Protein backbone atom coordinates (compact mmCIF):
# COMPACT_ATOMS: atom_id res chain seq x y z
CA MET A 1 -151.39 118.05 -73.01
CA THR A 2 -147.63 118.41 -72.19
CA THR A 3 -145.52 116.34 -74.95
CA GLU A 4 -142.41 115.18 -75.85
CA ASP A 5 -140.69 118.09 -77.65
CA ASP A 6 -142.54 120.34 -74.87
CA ILE A 7 -140.71 119.05 -72.31
CA ARG A 8 -137.10 118.46 -74.84
CA ALA A 9 -137.77 122.08 -75.97
CA LEU A 10 -137.98 122.81 -71.87
CA LEU A 11 -134.83 121.71 -71.59
CA ARG A 12 -133.18 123.00 -73.77
CA GLN A 13 -134.44 126.68 -73.10
CA MET A 14 -132.80 125.72 -69.48
CA PHE A 15 -129.63 124.66 -71.10
CA THR A 16 -129.30 128.13 -73.97
CA ALA A 17 -130.40 130.49 -70.14
CA ALA A 18 -127.41 129.36 -68.41
CA VAL A 19 -125.11 130.25 -71.25
CA GLU A 20 -126.65 133.57 -71.92
CA ALA A 21 -126.29 134.68 -68.34
CA ALA A 22 -122.65 133.72 -68.58
CA GLN A 23 -121.58 135.26 -72.13
CA PRO A 24 -119.42 137.69 -71.89
CA GLU A 25 -120.82 140.79 -72.96
CA ARG A 26 -122.90 140.98 -70.30
CA CYS A 27 -121.03 140.34 -67.86
CA ILE A 28 -118.00 141.62 -68.94
CA PRO A 29 -118.81 145.85 -68.90
CA ARG A 30 -120.28 146.64 -64.77
CA HIS A 31 -116.95 144.80 -64.01
CA LEU A 32 -114.12 147.20 -66.12
CA PRO A 33 -112.23 149.55 -64.14
CA ALA A 34 -111.40 153.47 -65.02
CA PRO A 35 -108.19 153.55 -67.33
CA PRO A 36 -104.93 154.46 -66.00
CA LYS A 37 -102.73 157.43 -65.55
CA GLY A 38 -100.10 154.69 -68.02
CA ARG A 39 -100.59 152.04 -70.76
CA THR A 40 -103.68 149.24 -70.22
CA VAL A 41 -102.74 146.38 -71.94
CA VAL A 42 -104.87 143.39 -72.21
CA ILE A 43 -104.32 139.20 -70.84
CA GLY A 44 -106.06 136.28 -70.67
CA ALA A 45 -106.53 132.60 -71.92
CA GLY A 46 -109.57 130.44 -71.71
CA LYS A 47 -112.14 129.24 -73.75
CA ALA A 48 -114.86 132.42 -72.99
CA SER A 49 -111.78 134.71 -73.46
CA ALA A 50 -111.16 136.00 -77.08
CA ALA A 51 -115.23 137.62 -76.89
CA MET A 52 -113.67 138.88 -72.87
CA ALA A 53 -111.89 141.10 -75.55
CA GLN A 54 -113.89 141.99 -77.61
CA ALA A 55 -116.79 142.93 -75.13
CA LEU A 56 -113.51 144.75 -72.80
CA GLU A 57 -112.11 146.36 -76.47
CA ARG A 58 -116.44 147.64 -77.15
CA ASN A 59 -116.39 148.84 -73.93
CA TRP A 60 -113.02 150.71 -73.13
CA PRO A 61 -112.86 154.12 -73.35
CA GLY A 62 -109.56 155.21 -74.50
CA PRO A 63 -105.87 152.72 -76.18
CA LEU A 64 -105.26 149.76 -75.17
CA SER A 65 -103.00 147.21 -76.68
CA GLY A 66 -102.92 143.04 -75.57
CA LEU A 67 -102.62 139.12 -76.17
CA VAL A 68 -104.96 136.79 -75.47
CA VAL A 69 -104.78 132.69 -76.24
CA THR A 70 -108.19 130.78 -76.90
CA ARG A 71 -109.38 126.53 -77.71
CA TYR A 72 -109.18 126.34 -81.65
CA GLY A 73 -112.70 127.68 -83.07
CA TYR A 74 -113.70 129.56 -79.89
CA ALA A 75 -111.89 133.19 -81.96
CA VAL A 76 -113.69 136.23 -82.40
CA PRO A 77 -112.71 139.80 -83.92
CA CYS A 78 -110.33 141.62 -81.89
CA GLU A 79 -109.14 145.20 -83.58
CA ARG A 80 -106.34 146.10 -80.85
CA ILE A 81 -106.39 143.00 -78.43
CA THR A 82 -104.48 140.24 -80.46
CA ILE A 83 -106.24 136.73 -80.21
CA VAL A 84 -104.43 133.27 -80.72
CA GLU A 85 -106.22 129.80 -81.22
CA ALA A 86 -104.86 126.82 -79.26
CA ALA A 87 -105.28 123.22 -78.28
CA HIS A 88 -107.22 122.17 -75.56
CA PRO A 89 -107.31 119.68 -73.40
CA VAL A 90 -104.04 118.74 -74.88
CA PRO A 91 -101.51 121.47 -75.20
CA ASP A 92 -100.32 122.20 -77.89
CA VAL A 93 -97.03 124.49 -79.51
CA ALA A 94 -99.47 127.54 -80.26
CA GLY A 95 -100.09 127.67 -76.56
CA LEU A 96 -96.81 127.57 -75.55
CA ALA A 97 -96.35 130.29 -78.16
CA ALA A 98 -98.43 132.51 -76.83
CA ALA A 99 -97.89 132.36 -72.97
CA ARG A 100 -94.15 132.96 -74.07
CA GLY A 101 -95.94 135.77 -75.40
CA MET A 102 -98.11 137.01 -73.49
CA LEU A 103 -95.08 137.31 -70.22
CA GLU A 104 -93.45 139.42 -73.37
CA THR A 105 -96.33 141.31 -73.26
CA VAL A 106 -96.04 142.54 -69.52
CA GLN A 107 -92.60 143.03 -69.29
CA GLY A 108 -91.34 146.75 -67.97
CA LEU A 109 -94.52 148.34 -67.18
CA THR A 110 -94.84 150.75 -64.95
CA ALA A 111 -96.78 151.80 -61.81
CA ASP A 112 -98.70 153.95 -63.25
CA ASP A 113 -99.57 151.04 -65.81
CA LEU A 114 -103.14 148.88 -65.97
CA VAL A 115 -103.34 145.50 -66.56
CA ILE A 116 -106.61 143.75 -67.59
CA CYS A 117 -106.09 140.00 -66.79
CA LEU A 118 -109.36 137.53 -68.55
CA ILE A 119 -109.38 133.83 -67.92
CA SER A 120 -112.50 131.35 -68.15
CA GLY A 121 -111.82 127.85 -67.66
CA GLY A 122 -109.71 125.65 -69.98
CA GLY A 123 -107.08 128.33 -69.46
CA SER A 124 -104.46 126.16 -67.62
CA ALA A 125 -104.41 124.39 -71.04
CA LEU A 126 -104.10 127.09 -73.25
CA MET A 127 -100.95 128.48 -71.40
CA PRO A 128 -98.58 125.60 -71.67
CA LEU A 129 -95.52 127.06 -70.38
CA PRO A 130 -93.38 124.54 -69.03
CA ALA A 131 -91.04 124.97 -65.65
CA GLU A 132 -87.01 124.94 -66.10
CA GLY A 133 -86.29 121.50 -67.20
CA ILE A 134 -89.72 120.05 -67.90
CA THR A 135 -89.95 119.66 -72.23
CA LEU A 136 -93.79 120.91 -73.48
CA GLU A 137 -94.12 116.74 -74.66
CA ASP A 138 -93.08 116.26 -70.45
CA LYS A 139 -96.69 118.43 -70.29
CA GLN A 140 -99.29 117.28 -72.86
CA ALA A 141 -98.10 113.69 -71.28
CA ILE A 142 -99.10 114.26 -67.72
CA ASN A 143 -101.61 116.64 -68.73
CA ARG A 144 -103.33 113.80 -70.04
CA ALA A 145 -102.84 110.94 -67.47
CA LEU A 146 -103.98 113.68 -65.34
CA LEU A 147 -107.55 113.69 -67.27
CA LYS A 148 -107.50 109.99 -67.46
CA SER A 149 -107.47 109.90 -63.89
CA GLY A 150 -110.22 110.76 -61.89
CA ALA A 151 -108.97 113.74 -60.56
CA THR A 152 -110.53 116.48 -60.00
CA ILE A 153 -110.31 119.73 -61.59
CA ALA A 154 -108.17 121.77 -58.58
CA GLU A 155 -106.92 118.42 -57.99
CA MET A 156 -105.31 118.28 -61.71
CA ASN A 157 -105.07 121.88 -61.40
CA CYS A 158 -102.39 122.07 -58.18
CA VAL A 159 -99.48 120.17 -60.50
CA ARG A 160 -100.18 121.87 -63.25
CA ARG A 161 -99.10 125.71 -61.33
CA HIS A 162 -96.39 123.37 -59.87
CA LEU A 163 -95.28 122.10 -63.16
CA SER A 164 -95.48 125.61 -64.98
CA ALA A 165 -93.27 129.15 -65.10
CA ILE A 166 -97.06 130.86 -65.66
CA LYS A 167 -99.71 129.54 -63.66
CA GLY A 168 -100.13 130.12 -59.77
CA GLY A 169 -99.35 133.41 -59.56
CA ARG A 170 -96.35 133.93 -61.49
CA LEU A 171 -97.63 135.37 -64.44
CA ALA A 172 -99.04 138.43 -61.47
CA ALA A 173 -95.68 138.47 -60.50
CA ALA A 174 -94.25 138.73 -63.98
CA CYS A 175 -96.64 142.35 -64.40
CA HIS A 176 -95.41 143.43 -61.15
CA PRO A 177 -94.95 147.37 -60.06
CA ALA A 178 -98.23 147.42 -62.14
CA ARG A 179 -102.12 147.05 -60.72
CA VAL A 180 -103.57 144.15 -62.47
CA VAL A 181 -107.36 143.58 -62.65
CA ASN A 182 -108.58 140.25 -62.62
CA LEU A 183 -111.89 139.33 -64.75
CA LEU A 184 -112.97 135.82 -64.25
CA ILE A 185 -115.46 133.32 -65.05
CA SER A 186 -115.26 130.28 -63.18
CA ASP A 187 -115.51 127.26 -64.31
CA VAL A 188 -114.28 125.22 -61.18
CA PRO A 189 -116.98 124.03 -58.24
CA GLY A 190 -116.64 126.69 -55.88
CA ASP A 191 -115.34 129.18 -57.56
CA ASN A 192 -111.29 129.19 -56.11
CA PRO A 193 -109.60 131.76 -58.11
CA ILE A 194 -106.84 129.79 -57.64
CA ALA A 195 -108.28 127.10 -59.24
CA ILE A 196 -109.82 128.96 -62.35
CA ALA A 197 -106.66 127.97 -65.88
CA SER A 198 -104.63 127.11 -61.97
CA GLY A 199 -104.89 130.94 -61.13
CA PRO A 200 -101.73 132.62 -63.41
CA THR A 201 -102.48 135.39 -61.97
CA VAL A 202 -103.56 135.39 -58.20
CA GLY A 203 -101.07 134.13 -54.91
CA ASP A 204 -102.10 129.83 -54.18
CA PRO A 205 -101.32 128.90 -50.94
CA THR A 206 -100.81 124.85 -51.90
CA SER A 207 -97.41 123.29 -52.30
CA CYS A 208 -94.91 121.53 -54.08
CA ALA A 209 -95.19 118.51 -50.94
CA ASP A 210 -99.41 118.99 -52.29
CA ALA A 211 -98.23 118.64 -56.29
CA LEU A 212 -96.99 114.84 -55.90
CA GLU A 213 -99.09 113.93 -52.60
CA ILE A 214 -101.73 114.05 -55.69
CA VAL A 215 -99.90 112.00 -57.88
CA ALA A 216 -99.45 109.50 -55.91
CA ARG A 217 -102.84 109.48 -54.99
CA TYR A 218 -103.77 109.33 -58.20
CA GLY A 219 -100.64 106.54 -58.83
CA ILE A 220 -99.51 109.20 -62.39
CA GLU A 221 -96.22 108.37 -64.14
CA LEU A 222 -94.19 111.60 -63.56
CA PRO A 223 -90.63 112.34 -66.38
CA ALA A 224 -88.07 112.48 -64.04
CA ALA A 225 -87.43 116.38 -64.31
CA ALA A 226 -90.63 117.13 -63.64
CA ARG A 227 -90.54 114.27 -60.08
CA ALA A 228 -87.72 116.27 -59.57
CA LEU A 229 -89.24 119.91 -59.89
CA LEU A 230 -91.27 118.99 -57.69
CA GLU A 231 -89.55 117.01 -54.86
CA SER A 232 -86.58 119.93 -54.42
CA GLY A 233 -89.29 122.41 -54.24
CA ALA A 234 -88.10 124.29 -57.41
CA GLY A 235 -91.57 124.46 -58.52
CA GLU A 236 -92.86 126.72 -55.67
CA SER A 237 -95.48 128.59 -56.30
CA VAL A 238 -95.91 132.60 -55.83
CA LYS A 239 -97.38 132.74 -52.95
CA PRO A 240 -100.76 134.89 -51.02
CA GLY A 241 -98.86 137.77 -49.57
CA ASP A 242 -96.54 137.91 -51.89
CA ALA A 243 -95.62 142.28 -52.57
CA ARG A 244 -95.86 141.56 -55.82
CA LEU A 245 -99.73 140.49 -55.59
CA ALA A 246 -100.15 143.90 -53.19
CA ARG A 247 -102.04 145.64 -56.33
CA VAL A 248 -103.42 142.57 -57.55
CA THR A 249 -107.74 142.89 -57.71
CA THR A 250 -110.32 139.85 -58.45
CA THR A 251 -113.69 139.82 -60.03
CA LEU A 252 -116.09 136.64 -60.27
CA VAL A 253 -118.06 138.11 -63.41
CA ALA A 254 -119.95 134.75 -64.08
CA THR A 255 -120.33 132.11 -61.97
CA PRO A 256 -122.27 128.54 -62.49
CA GLN A 257 -124.78 129.73 -59.29
CA MET A 258 -125.75 132.03 -62.12
CA ALA A 259 -125.89 130.20 -64.65
CA LEU A 260 -128.99 127.48 -62.36
CA GLU A 261 -130.61 130.77 -61.09
CA ALA A 262 -131.13 131.57 -65.36
CA ALA A 263 -132.51 128.40 -66.52
CA ALA A 264 -133.93 128.75 -62.40
CA LYS A 265 -136.88 131.80 -63.65
CA VAL A 266 -137.45 129.85 -67.11
CA ALA A 267 -138.33 126.60 -64.90
CA ALA A 268 -140.28 128.82 -62.76
CA CYS A 269 -142.02 130.35 -65.67
CA ALA A 270 -143.14 127.62 -67.41
CA GLY A 271 -144.75 126.65 -64.65
CA TYR A 272 -142.19 123.85 -63.16
CA THR A 273 -141.23 124.03 -59.63
CA PRO A 274 -136.87 124.48 -59.89
CA LEU A 275 -134.78 123.53 -57.13
CA LEU A 276 -130.96 124.11 -56.87
CA LEU A 277 -129.38 120.87 -55.23
CA GLY A 278 -126.02 122.34 -55.46
CA ASP A 279 -123.36 124.32 -57.72
CA SER A 280 -119.99 122.37 -56.73
CA ILE A 281 -121.32 119.36 -57.39
CA GLU A 282 -117.98 116.57 -57.41
CA GLY A 283 -117.49 112.60 -57.48
CA GLU A 284 -117.66 110.00 -60.39
CA ALA A 285 -119.79 111.35 -63.38
CA ARG A 286 -121.80 108.07 -62.98
CA ASP A 287 -122.06 107.92 -58.85
CA VAL A 288 -123.37 111.36 -59.42
CA GLY A 289 -125.77 110.19 -61.86
CA LYS A 290 -127.20 107.76 -59.35
CA VAL A 291 -127.61 109.57 -56.78
CA MET A 292 -129.95 112.31 -58.91
CA ALA A 293 -131.87 109.29 -60.22
CA GLY A 294 -132.67 108.52 -56.77
CA ILE A 295 -134.23 111.75 -56.32
CA ALA A 296 -136.19 112.29 -59.34
CA LEU A 297 -137.56 109.01 -57.83
CA GLN A 298 -138.43 110.33 -54.71
CA VAL A 299 -140.61 113.20 -56.00
CA ARG A 300 -142.04 110.32 -58.49
CA ARG A 301 -142.95 108.41 -55.60
CA HIS A 302 -143.54 110.31 -52.35
CA ARG A 303 -143.22 113.91 -53.67
CA GLN A 304 -140.06 115.47 -51.75
CA PRO A 305 -138.66 116.79 -50.82
CA VAL A 306 -140.42 118.86 -53.68
CA ALA A 307 -143.37 118.04 -55.03
CA ALA A 308 -143.42 117.40 -59.36
CA PRO A 309 -143.65 118.82 -61.87
CA CYS A 310 -139.95 119.85 -61.10
CA VAL A 311 -136.90 120.92 -62.20
CA LEU A 312 -133.89 119.77 -60.51
CA LEU A 313 -130.65 122.09 -61.82
CA SER A 314 -127.47 121.18 -60.69
CA GLY A 315 -123.67 122.12 -61.60
CA GLY A 316 -119.87 121.75 -61.07
CA GLU A 317 -117.61 119.51 -62.21
CA THR A 318 -117.80 115.17 -62.04
CA THR A 319 -115.34 113.15 -62.92
CA VAL A 320 -114.14 110.41 -65.47
CA THR A 321 -112.14 107.09 -64.23
CA VAL A 322 -111.62 106.29 -68.16
CA ARG A 323 -111.73 102.26 -68.77
CA GLY A 324 -112.75 101.80 -72.03
CA GLN A 325 -112.27 102.18 -74.96
CA GLY A 326 -115.19 103.96 -75.91
CA ARG A 327 -116.58 107.78 -77.16
CA GLY A 328 -117.28 109.81 -74.01
CA GLY A 329 -117.79 112.91 -72.15
CA ARG A 330 -118.02 113.42 -67.46
CA ASN A 331 -121.89 114.97 -68.67
CA VAL A 332 -122.99 112.17 -71.27
CA GLU A 333 -121.71 109.85 -68.70
CA PHE A 334 -123.55 110.94 -65.90
CA LEU A 335 -126.70 110.52 -68.11
CA LEU A 336 -126.31 107.23 -68.75
CA SER A 337 -125.87 106.16 -65.81
CA LEU A 338 -129.05 108.41 -64.82
CA ALA A 339 -130.72 106.78 -67.80
CA VAL A 340 -130.10 103.19 -66.03
CA ALA A 341 -130.91 103.83 -62.48
CA LEU A 342 -134.32 105.16 -63.26
CA ASP A 343 -134.77 102.02 -65.69
CA GLY A 344 -137.28 103.75 -68.02
CA GLU A 345 -139.53 105.25 -65.20
CA PRO A 346 -142.29 107.52 -66.66
CA GLY A 347 -142.47 111.34 -66.49
CA VAL A 348 -138.47 111.89 -66.08
CA HIS A 349 -136.57 112.97 -68.44
CA ALA A 350 -132.99 115.45 -68.58
CA VAL A 351 -130.68 117.56 -69.65
CA ALA A 352 -126.89 117.68 -68.79
CA GLY A 353 -124.22 119.26 -71.31
CA ASP A 354 -120.64 121.21 -70.75
CA THR A 355 -121.62 125.17 -71.29
CA ASP A 356 -118.47 125.64 -73.04
CA GLY A 357 -120.60 123.29 -75.86
CA VAL A 358 -117.82 120.21 -76.02
CA ASP A 359 -118.27 117.44 -73.35
CA GLY A 360 -114.74 115.45 -72.42
CA GLN A 361 -112.74 115.78 -76.40
CA GLU A 362 -116.58 115.57 -78.80
CA GLU A 363 -117.35 119.07 -79.94
CA ILE A 364 -121.09 117.00 -78.47
CA ALA A 365 -122.02 119.00 -75.66
CA GLY A 366 -124.41 116.85 -74.08
CA ALA A 367 -127.28 115.14 -74.53
CA PHE A 368 -131.04 114.09 -73.65
CA VAL A 369 -132.61 111.36 -71.51
CA THR A 370 -136.23 110.59 -71.95
CA PRO A 371 -138.19 108.01 -70.26
CA ASP A 372 -137.88 105.95 -73.18
CA THR A 373 -134.02 105.88 -73.57
CA LEU A 374 -133.51 102.51 -72.50
CA GLU A 375 -136.11 101.31 -74.93
CA ARG A 376 -135.02 102.71 -77.58
CA ALA A 377 -131.39 101.44 -77.33
CA TRP A 378 -132.20 97.51 -77.03
CA SER A 379 -134.11 98.05 -80.05
CA ARG A 380 -131.08 99.10 -82.18
CA GLY A 381 -129.25 96.12 -79.88
CA ILE A 382 -127.69 98.21 -77.81
CA ARG A 383 -126.82 97.79 -74.70
CA PRO A 384 -126.39 100.85 -72.13
CA ARG A 385 -124.69 99.00 -69.36
CA ASP A 386 -122.68 97.77 -72.48
CA SER A 387 -121.82 101.80 -73.47
CA LEU A 388 -120.99 102.29 -70.36
CA ALA A 389 -118.98 99.75 -69.04
CA ASN A 390 -117.41 100.96 -72.02
CA ASN A 391 -117.36 105.14 -71.24
CA ASP A 392 -118.96 105.04 -74.85
CA GLY A 393 -121.34 108.14 -73.63
CA HIS A 394 -121.36 109.57 -77.00
CA GLY A 395 -121.23 107.02 -78.92
CA PHE A 396 -124.39 105.80 -77.25
CA PHE A 397 -126.59 109.09 -77.35
CA GLU A 398 -125.86 110.05 -80.97
CA ALA A 399 -127.04 106.37 -81.96
CA LEU A 400 -130.27 106.89 -80.58
CA GLY A 401 -130.32 110.32 -82.51
CA ASP A 402 -130.32 112.16 -78.60
CA SER A 403 -126.52 114.53 -78.18
CA LEU A 404 -126.97 118.14 -77.13
CA VAL A 405 -125.02 120.33 -80.07
CA THR A 406 -124.98 123.68 -79.62
CA GLY A 407 -121.09 125.03 -81.90
CA PRO A 408 -118.60 126.87 -79.74
CA THR A 409 -120.51 129.00 -76.93
CA LEU A 410 -117.39 131.12 -76.10
CA THR A 411 -118.27 130.84 -72.82
CA ASN A 412 -116.75 128.55 -69.27
CA VAL A 413 -118.98 128.08 -66.54
CA ASN A 414 -118.84 124.41 -65.73
CA ASP A 415 -121.17 121.54 -66.51
CA PHE A 416 -125.23 121.81 -66.21
CA ARG A 417 -127.95 119.47 -65.57
CA ALA A 418 -132.01 119.83 -65.44
CA ILE A 419 -134.20 116.93 -64.40
CA VAL A 420 -137.81 117.47 -65.53
CA VAL A 421 -140.19 115.32 -63.18
CA LEU A 422 -143.35 115.18 -64.42
């Protein structure tokens, strides 16, 4: 007989498999280029960048040097590549210094040199080099407003690119005439390289006008200097086809789809039919929760679109429009909405978490939902709908002992969601 402990163990195993599929030590070595005639310089940014640098060092046959920046707590030892830690999701002076250092690192390169750029999710906040006339404080304020607005990650990064001195292809342009090899771990729906860390080393087809339209759509207040930069067009990024990008190649070494497929294998081995619902699901987290609940109920009641026992798997990056004062994140918001919509339906269990180990600004990856989640909350005097209205997913699941805590995973392929239907 399958117990609740068995199901929770399966959910945890699937989450672990998803994270392990995106570990740099697995996915970096097979994509390394041949050593150049000249120097090899390594640069990079993101939550996985230090682990990517370590994997590169261990498998690189010749000399190299460089600098990468990662989130506080995500550094790993490297011998030849300098690792810097900085703040995420709101940038700080350490990230500013790292971005400046990266541009200095690639100055004076020749056509015989090779730049290996290691980019992963989180890199945008970790490289906060403002465009001329904009301060770090301006960038911090804009970042906070974007995070609360409900804008998608692609929309947020479009604004960031046009207020930056390093993103939107500018870092790649600074490497010219050296060859640039981008190795990317995707954390964005659709795996578009320009949206990963705001695309510091790829051409950007969007414009300042696009950024202004996004700002207007979400009612984001911009500092005067930032608005002037966008309105004048002075913040225009490096476009595809720019001659300085002619020697840039880009490879996605890990993606959300790869993570979902790894989890699907775990489900199948355990005797559950896996159904992948999509690797790029977006929208308000609470709305996605309602939709996923509806699919789970269809399975329970009508054996469609697949018969139980099964696992519904999905990835992507939802958003949360913050209106409450609680401790939340998009994964726990999704789960709380899911639990409310399921209304205690028996035989449905779920996990959701950010594969980097941090949901929102908490050192908590996500949480678990069980058929008695609501009942246990009510018995503790907690009203689930009130918690949802207050964006207090972390507070809710912590009180039930259902938080998923992993610590730094050293990678990031976005959100992972699994719903077991018996």
